[in-house]
C-alpha cells in the first residue's frame, strides 16, 4: 500500500505544454522552471535533475543545466528526428552521441525553436545524463 511519503519521492507528473512564441515567454518559462525545479530538489540529494520534454511526434529530450550555466541535452533515439532543428536553433553541429553540450546562451533559442513540437513537460530529479561519458 502506498503511503503519503511515497508520493513525495516520485517525480512530478507530465504537464501539457503551452506553445511559447516570444523570447519574453521563454524567459518567463525559464524563470518558472528554475523555481519549480528548486522546489522539487529541495532537501533531497538528487543527481541528474532537469526537465523532460515529451515531443508531439515521439521521443523525449532531457534538459539539464550545469553549474556553469551550460546546457546538456539527452535526446532519446525516438527523438532523433528533431536533431536538425536543435542544430538550426543553436548553431551547434549534431554530436555523434545522443548527448548534446550547448552553451547557456543557446537555451532561449533552443526552447523557442522546440516549442511548437513539445507536447508535455515534467521535472526529473534523477536522470543519467551520461555527462561523465562525454566530457
N, C-alpha and C. Protein backbone atom coordinates (compact mmCIF):
# COMPACT_ATOMS: atom_id res chain seq x y z
N UNK A 1 0.84 -1.17 0.00
CA UNK A 1 0.00 0.00 0.00
C UNK A 1 0.88 1.24 0.00
N UNK A 2 0.59 2.20 -0.85
CA UNK A 2 1.36 3.43 -0.92
C UNK A 2 1.02 4.35 0.24
N UNK A 3 2.06 4.93 0.80
CA UNK A 3 1.82 5.93 1.84
C UNK A 3 1.98 7.32 1.24
N UNK A 4 1.60 8.31 2.02
CA UNK A 4 1.73 9.69 1.56
C UNK A 4 3.19 10.03 1.31
N UNK A 5 4.09 9.50 2.12
CA UNK A 5 5.52 9.77 1.97
C UNK A 5 6.07 9.20 0.68
N UNK A 6 5.52 8.08 0.21
CA UNK A 6 5.97 7.51 -1.05
C UNK A 6 5.71 8.45 -2.21
N UNK A 7 4.64 9.20 -2.15
CA UNK A 7 4.27 10.13 -3.22
C UNK A 7 5.29 11.26 -3.36
N UNK A 8 5.94 11.66 -2.26
CA UNK A 8 6.87 12.78 -2.32
C UNK A 8 8.18 12.41 -2.98
N UNK A 9 8.49 11.12 -3.08
CA UNK A 9 9.74 10.72 -3.69
C UNK A 9 9.60 10.47 -5.19
N UNK A 10 8.38 10.47 -5.68
CA UNK A 10 8.16 10.26 -7.10
C UNK A 10 8.41 11.55 -7.87
N UNK A 11 8.81 11.40 -9.12
CA UNK A 11 9.00 12.58 -9.96
C UNK A 11 7.63 13.17 -10.30
N UNK A 12 7.60 14.50 -10.48
CA UNK A 12 6.33 15.13 -10.84
C UNK A 12 5.76 14.58 -12.15
N UNK A 13 4.46 14.66 -12.27
CA UNK A 13 3.79 14.15 -13.47
C UNK A 13 3.96 15.13 -14.63
N UNK A 14 3.76 14.61 -15.83
CA UNK A 14 3.88 15.44 -17.04
C UNK A 14 2.72 16.42 -17.10
N UNK A 15 3.04 17.61 -17.59
CA UNK A 15 2.03 18.65 -17.79
C UNK A 15 1.92 18.97 -19.27
N UNK A 16 0.75 19.35 -19.71
CA UNK A 16 0.61 19.78 -21.11
C UNK A 16 1.45 21.04 -21.36
N UNK A 17 1.99 21.15 -22.54
CA UNK A 17 2.82 22.28 -22.92
C UNK A 17 1.97 23.36 -23.58
N UNK A 18 2.25 24.60 -23.25
CA UNK A 18 1.63 25.75 -23.91
C UNK A 18 2.71 26.35 -24.80
N UNK A 19 2.45 26.45 -26.09
CA UNK A 19 3.44 26.93 -27.05
C UNK A 19 3.87 28.35 -26.69
N UNK A 20 5.19 28.54 -26.64
CA UNK A 20 5.78 29.85 -26.35
C UNK A 20 6.17 30.49 -27.68
N UNK A 21 5.83 31.76 -27.86
CA UNK A 21 6.04 32.38 -29.17
C UNK A 21 7.00 33.56 -29.17
N UNK A 22 7.39 34.04 -27.99
CA UNK A 22 8.32 35.18 -27.93
C UNK A 22 9.46 34.86 -26.97
N UNK A 23 10.54 35.61 -27.09
CA UNK A 23 11.65 35.42 -26.16
C UNK A 23 11.22 35.78 -24.73
N UNK A 24 10.32 36.74 -24.60
CA UNK A 24 9.80 37.07 -23.27
C UNK A 24 9.09 35.86 -22.66
N UNK A 25 8.24 35.19 -23.46
CA UNK A 25 7.54 33.99 -22.99
C UNK A 25 8.54 32.94 -22.52
N UNK A 26 9.59 32.73 -23.31
CA UNK A 26 10.59 31.71 -22.99
C UNK A 26 11.34 32.08 -21.72
N UNK A 27 11.75 33.32 -21.58
CA UNK A 27 12.48 33.74 -20.39
C UNK A 27 11.61 33.62 -19.14
N UNK A 28 10.32 33.94 -19.26
CA UNK A 28 9.40 33.78 -18.13
C UNK A 28 9.25 32.30 -17.79
N UNK A 29 9.17 31.44 -18.82
CA UNK A 29 9.06 30.00 -18.59
C UNK A 29 10.32 29.49 -17.90
N UNK A 30 11.51 29.94 -18.34
CA UNK A 30 12.78 29.51 -17.73
C UNK A 30 12.80 29.89 -16.24
N UNK A 31 12.39 31.10 -15.91
CA UNK A 31 12.35 31.53 -14.51
C UNK A 31 11.42 30.63 -13.69
N UNK A 32 10.23 30.35 -14.24
CA UNK A 32 9.28 29.49 -13.54
C UNK A 32 9.82 28.07 -13.40
N UNK A 33 10.42 27.55 -14.46
CA UNK A 33 11.01 26.20 -14.43
C UNK A 33 12.10 26.13 -13.36
N UNK A 34 12.97 27.14 -13.29
CA UNK A 34 14.03 27.15 -12.27
C UNK A 34 13.43 27.10 -10.87
N UNK A 35 12.39 27.88 -10.65
CA UNK A 35 11.73 27.91 -9.34
C UNK A 35 11.14 26.54 -9.00
N UNK A 36 10.42 25.95 -9.96
CA UNK A 36 9.80 24.64 -9.73
C UNK A 36 10.85 23.55 -9.52
N UNK A 37 11.94 23.61 -10.26
CA UNK A 37 13.00 22.63 -10.10
C UNK A 37 13.63 22.74 -8.72
N UNK A 38 13.89 23.96 -8.28
CA UNK A 38 14.45 24.15 -6.94
C UNK A 38 13.52 23.57 -5.87
N UNK A 39 12.25 23.75 -6.03
CA UNK A 39 11.27 23.18 -5.08
C UNK A 39 11.29 21.65 -5.14
N UNK A 40 11.45 21.09 -6.32
CA UNK A 40 11.42 19.63 -6.48
C UNK A 40 12.65 18.96 -5.87
N UNK A 41 13.78 19.63 -5.91
CA UNK A 41 15.01 19.01 -5.41
C UNK A 41 15.37 19.47 -4.00
N UNK A 42 14.56 20.34 -3.44
CA UNK A 42 14.79 20.88 -2.11
C UNK A 42 14.92 19.76 -1.08
N UNK A 43 15.99 19.83 -0.30
CA UNK A 43 16.24 18.88 0.79
C UNK A 43 16.37 17.44 0.32
N UNK A 44 16.70 17.25 -0.93
CA UNK A 44 16.89 15.89 -1.45
C UNK A 44 18.27 15.83 -2.08
N UNK A 45 18.92 14.72 -1.95
CA UNK A 45 20.21 14.52 -2.58
C UNK A 45 19.97 13.96 -3.98
N UNK A 46 19.72 14.85 -4.92
CA UNK A 46 19.38 14.41 -6.27
C UNK A 46 20.60 14.49 -7.16
N UNK A 47 20.57 13.68 -8.20
CA UNK A 47 21.63 13.66 -9.18
C UNK A 47 20.98 13.57 -10.55
N UNK A 48 21.32 14.48 -11.44
CA UNK A 48 20.73 14.43 -12.77
C UNK A 48 19.35 15.04 -12.82
N UNK A 49 19.18 16.19 -12.20
CA UNK A 49 17.87 16.84 -12.23
C UNK A 49 17.78 17.78 -13.43
N UNK A 50 16.57 17.96 -13.89
CA UNK A 50 16.33 18.81 -15.05
C UNK A 50 14.88 18.71 -15.47
N UNK A 51 14.67 18.81 -16.76
CA UNK A 51 13.31 18.74 -17.28
C UNK A 51 13.27 17.79 -18.48
N UNK A 52 12.14 17.15 -18.65
CA UNK A 52 11.93 16.25 -19.78
C UNK A 52 10.84 16.84 -20.66
N UNK A 53 11.18 17.00 -21.93
CA UNK A 53 10.19 17.44 -22.92
C UNK A 53 9.70 16.21 -23.67
N UNK A 54 8.40 15.94 -23.61
CA UNK A 54 7.78 14.89 -24.42
C UNK A 54 7.36 15.52 -25.74
N UNK A 55 7.84 14.99 -26.84
CA UNK A 55 7.59 15.59 -28.14
C UNK A 55 6.31 15.07 -28.78
N UNK A 56 5.63 15.96 -29.51
CA UNK A 56 4.36 15.63 -30.18
C UNK A 56 4.48 14.42 -31.10
N UNK A 57 5.60 14.30 -31.80
CA UNK A 57 5.76 13.24 -32.80
C UNK A 57 6.64 12.10 -32.31
N UNK A 58 6.82 12.00 -31.01
CA UNK A 58 7.54 10.88 -30.43
C UNK A 58 8.92 11.23 -29.91
N UNK A 59 9.26 10.59 -28.83
CA UNK A 59 10.56 10.76 -28.21
C UNK A 59 10.56 11.80 -27.12
N UNK A 60 11.69 11.85 -26.42
CA UNK A 60 11.84 12.78 -25.32
C UNK A 60 13.21 13.44 -25.39
N UNK A 61 13.26 14.65 -24.87
CA UNK A 61 14.52 15.37 -24.72
C UNK A 61 14.64 15.74 -23.25
N UNK A 62 15.73 15.30 -22.62
CA UNK A 62 16.01 15.64 -21.24
C UNK A 62 16.99 16.80 -21.24
N UNK A 63 16.68 17.85 -20.47
CA UNK A 63 17.49 19.05 -20.43
C UNK A 63 18.03 19.25 -19.02
N UNK A 64 19.32 19.53 -18.93
CA UNK A 64 19.99 19.78 -17.65
C UNK A 64 20.90 20.99 -17.84
N UNK A 65 20.95 21.86 -16.86
CA UNK A 65 21.92 22.96 -16.92
C UNK A 65 23.01 22.68 -15.90
N UNK A 66 24.26 22.97 -16.30
CA UNK A 66 25.40 22.73 -15.43
C UNK A 66 25.57 23.90 -14.46
N UNK A 67 26.49 23.75 -13.53
CA UNK A 67 26.80 24.82 -12.58
C UNK A 67 27.33 26.06 -13.30
N UNK A 68 27.94 25.86 -14.47
CA UNK A 68 28.47 26.98 -15.25
C UNK A 68 27.42 27.62 -16.15
N UNK A 69 26.20 27.09 -16.14
CA UNK A 69 25.13 27.65 -16.94
C UNK A 69 25.02 27.06 -18.34
N UNK A 70 25.85 26.08 -18.65
CA UNK A 70 25.75 25.42 -19.95
C UNK A 70 24.60 24.42 -19.94
N UNK A 71 24.21 23.97 -21.11
CA UNK A 71 23.05 23.10 -21.27
C UNK A 71 23.51 21.73 -21.76
N UNK A 72 22.98 20.68 -21.15
CA UNK A 72 23.21 19.31 -21.59
C UNK A 72 21.86 18.74 -21.98
N UNK A 73 21.79 18.21 -23.19
CA UNK A 73 20.57 17.56 -23.68
C UNK A 73 20.83 16.08 -23.86
N UNK A 74 19.87 15.28 -23.48
CA UNK A 74 19.88 13.85 -23.76
C UNK A 74 18.69 13.62 -24.68
N UNK A 75 18.96 13.43 -25.96
CA UNK A 75 17.91 13.25 -26.97
C UNK A 75 17.73 11.74 -27.17
N UNK A 76 16.58 11.22 -26.78
CA UNK A 76 16.35 9.78 -26.89
C UNK A 76 16.35 9.36 -28.36
N UNK A 77 16.65 8.09 -28.63
CA UNK A 77 16.65 7.63 -30.02
C UNK A 77 15.34 7.90 -30.75
N UNK A 78 14.22 7.84 -30.04
CA UNK A 78 12.91 8.10 -30.67
C UNK A 78 12.76 9.57 -31.07
N UNK A 79 13.60 10.45 -30.51
CA UNK A 79 13.51 11.88 -30.81
C UNK A 79 14.62 12.36 -31.74
N UNK A 80 15.38 11.44 -32.33
CA UNK A 80 16.46 11.83 -33.23
C UNK A 80 15.99 12.69 -34.39
N UNK A 81 14.74 12.57 -34.75
CA UNK A 81 14.17 13.32 -35.87
C UNK A 81 14.25 14.83 -35.64
N UNK A 82 14.38 15.27 -34.38
CA UNK A 82 14.39 16.69 -34.07
C UNK A 82 15.82 17.27 -34.08
N UNK A 83 16.83 16.45 -34.29
CA UNK A 83 18.22 16.90 -34.27
C UNK A 83 18.50 18.05 -35.24
N UNK A 84 18.00 18.02 -36.48
CA UNK A 84 18.25 19.16 -37.37
C UNK A 84 17.70 20.48 -36.83
N UNK A 85 16.57 20.43 -36.15
CA UNK A 85 16.01 21.65 -35.58
C UNK A 85 16.88 22.15 -34.42
N UNK A 86 17.37 21.24 -33.58
CA UNK A 86 18.26 21.64 -32.49
C UNK A 86 19.50 22.31 -33.06
N UNK A 87 20.08 21.72 -34.10
CA UNK A 87 21.26 22.30 -34.74
C UNK A 87 20.96 23.69 -35.31
N UNK A 88 19.83 23.83 -35.96
CA UNK A 88 19.47 25.11 -36.57
C UNK A 88 19.23 26.17 -35.50
N UNK A 89 18.55 25.81 -34.43
CA UNK A 89 18.21 26.78 -33.38
C UNK A 89 19.43 27.22 -32.57
N UNK A 90 20.40 26.31 -32.40
CA UNK A 90 21.53 26.59 -31.52
C UNK A 90 22.84 26.86 -32.25
N UNK A 91 22.87 26.57 -33.56
CA UNK A 91 24.09 26.71 -34.36
C UNK A 91 25.20 25.77 -33.87
N UNK A 92 24.79 24.60 -33.38
CA UNK A 92 25.72 23.57 -32.91
C UNK A 92 25.51 22.33 -33.76
N UNK A 93 26.61 21.75 -34.25
CA UNK A 93 26.51 20.54 -35.06
C UNK A 93 26.03 19.37 -34.21
N UNK A 94 25.30 18.47 -34.84
CA UNK A 94 24.80 17.29 -34.14
C UNK A 94 25.98 16.43 -33.70
N UNK A 95 26.02 16.03 -32.42
CA UNK A 95 27.10 15.17 -31.95
C UNK A 95 26.92 13.73 -32.41
N UNK A 96 27.97 12.94 -32.25
CA UNK A 96 27.91 11.53 -32.63
C UNK A 96 27.04 10.73 -31.66
N UNK A 97 26.90 11.22 -30.44
CA UNK A 97 26.08 10.52 -29.44
C UNK A 97 24.74 11.24 -29.25
N UNK A 98 23.92 10.72 -28.36
CA UNK A 98 22.62 11.36 -28.11
C UNK A 98 22.74 12.49 -27.09
N UNK A 99 23.93 12.74 -26.57
CA UNK A 99 24.17 13.80 -25.60
C UNK A 99 24.71 15.03 -26.32
N UNK A 100 24.03 16.14 -26.13
CA UNK A 100 24.41 17.42 -26.72
C UNK A 100 24.95 18.33 -25.62
N UNK A 101 26.05 19.01 -25.86
CA UNK A 101 26.57 20.03 -24.95
C UNK A 101 26.42 21.38 -25.64
N UNK A 102 25.64 22.27 -25.03
CA UNK A 102 25.33 23.56 -25.63
C UNK A 102 25.75 24.69 -24.68
N UNK A 103 26.13 25.82 -25.24
CA UNK A 103 26.40 26.97 -24.37
C UNK A 103 25.09 27.48 -23.76
N UNK A 104 25.19 28.06 -22.58
CA UNK A 104 24.00 28.55 -21.89
C UNK A 104 23.23 29.59 -22.66
N UNK A 105 23.95 30.38 -23.49
CA UNK A 105 23.25 31.43 -24.23
C UNK A 105 22.39 30.89 -25.38
N UNK A 106 22.43 29.57 -25.60
CA UNK A 106 21.60 28.95 -26.64
C UNK A 106 20.26 28.47 -26.10
N UNK A 107 20.06 28.54 -24.78
CA UNK A 107 18.84 27.98 -24.17
C UNK A 107 17.56 28.64 -24.68
N UNK A 108 17.53 29.96 -24.71
CA UNK A 108 16.32 30.65 -25.14
C UNK A 108 15.94 30.28 -26.57
N UNK A 109 16.92 30.31 -27.48
CA UNK A 109 16.63 29.95 -28.87
C UNK A 109 16.24 28.48 -29.02
N UNK A 110 16.86 27.61 -28.21
CA UNK A 110 16.50 26.19 -28.23
C UNK A 110 15.03 26.00 -27.85
N UNK A 111 14.61 26.60 -26.75
CA UNK A 111 13.23 26.44 -26.29
C UNK A 111 12.26 27.07 -27.30
N UNK A 112 12.62 28.22 -27.82
CA UNK A 112 11.76 28.89 -28.81
C UNK A 112 11.60 28.02 -30.06
N UNK A 113 12.70 27.39 -30.51
CA UNK A 113 12.64 26.52 -31.69
C UNK A 113 11.86 25.23 -31.45
N UNK A 114 12.03 24.65 -30.26
CA UNK A 114 11.35 23.39 -29.95
C UNK A 114 9.88 23.58 -29.56
N UNK A 115 9.52 24.74 -29.12
CA UNK A 115 8.21 24.99 -28.52
C UNK A 115 7.02 24.41 -29.29
N UNK A 116 6.94 24.61 -30.62
CA UNK A 116 5.76 24.07 -31.33
C UNK A 116 5.73 22.54 -31.39
N UNK A 117 6.85 21.89 -31.06
CA UNK A 117 6.94 20.43 -31.17
C UNK A 117 6.77 19.72 -29.84
N UNK A 118 6.69 20.48 -28.75
CA UNK A 118 6.61 19.90 -27.41
C UNK A 118 5.15 19.63 -27.05
N UNK A 119 4.90 18.44 -26.52
CA UNK A 119 3.55 18.06 -26.08
C UNK A 119 3.42 18.21 -24.56
N UNK A 120 4.46 17.76 -23.83
CA UNK A 120 4.40 17.78 -22.37
C UNK A 120 5.77 18.12 -21.80
N UNK A 121 5.76 18.53 -20.54
CA UNK A 121 7.00 18.72 -19.78
C UNK A 121 6.82 18.09 -18.41
N UNK A 122 7.93 17.68 -17.85
CA UNK A 122 7.91 17.21 -16.46
C UNK A 122 9.29 17.40 -15.86
N UNK A 123 9.31 17.70 -14.58
CA UNK A 123 10.55 17.84 -13.84
C UNK A 123 11.10 16.43 -13.62
N UNK A 124 12.40 16.25 -13.77
CA UNK A 124 13.05 14.98 -13.45
C UNK A 124 14.08 15.25 -12.36
N UNK A 125 14.18 14.34 -11.42
CA UNK A 125 15.12 14.54 -10.33
C UNK A 125 16.22 13.49 -10.28
N UNK A 126 16.18 12.53 -11.20
CA UNK A 126 17.21 11.50 -11.19
C UNK A 126 17.36 10.89 -12.58
N UNK A 127 17.98 11.63 -13.48
CA UNK A 127 18.19 11.15 -14.85
C UNK A 127 19.69 11.03 -15.10
N UNK A 128 20.11 9.95 -15.72
CA UNK A 128 21.52 9.75 -16.06
C UNK A 128 21.79 10.48 -17.37
N UNK A 129 22.34 11.69 -17.26
CA UNK A 129 22.65 12.48 -18.45
C UNK A 129 23.94 12.03 -19.13
N UNK A 130 24.58 11.01 -18.57
CA UNK A 130 25.81 10.47 -19.16
C UNK A 130 26.87 11.56 -19.32
N UNK A 131 26.86 12.50 -18.42
CA UNK A 131 27.77 13.65 -18.51
C UNK A 131 29.21 13.20 -18.45
N UNK A 132 29.52 12.30 -17.57
CA UNK A 132 30.92 11.86 -17.42
C UNK A 132 31.44 11.16 -18.67
N UNK A 133 30.57 10.55 -19.44
CA UNK A 133 30.97 9.78 -20.61
C UNK A 133 31.34 10.68 -21.80
N UNK A 134 30.88 11.94 -21.80
CA UNK A 134 31.13 12.79 -22.96
C UNK A 134 32.15 13.89 -22.68
N UNK A 135 32.56 14.06 -21.44
CA UNK A 135 33.47 15.17 -21.14
C UNK A 135 34.89 14.72 -21.09
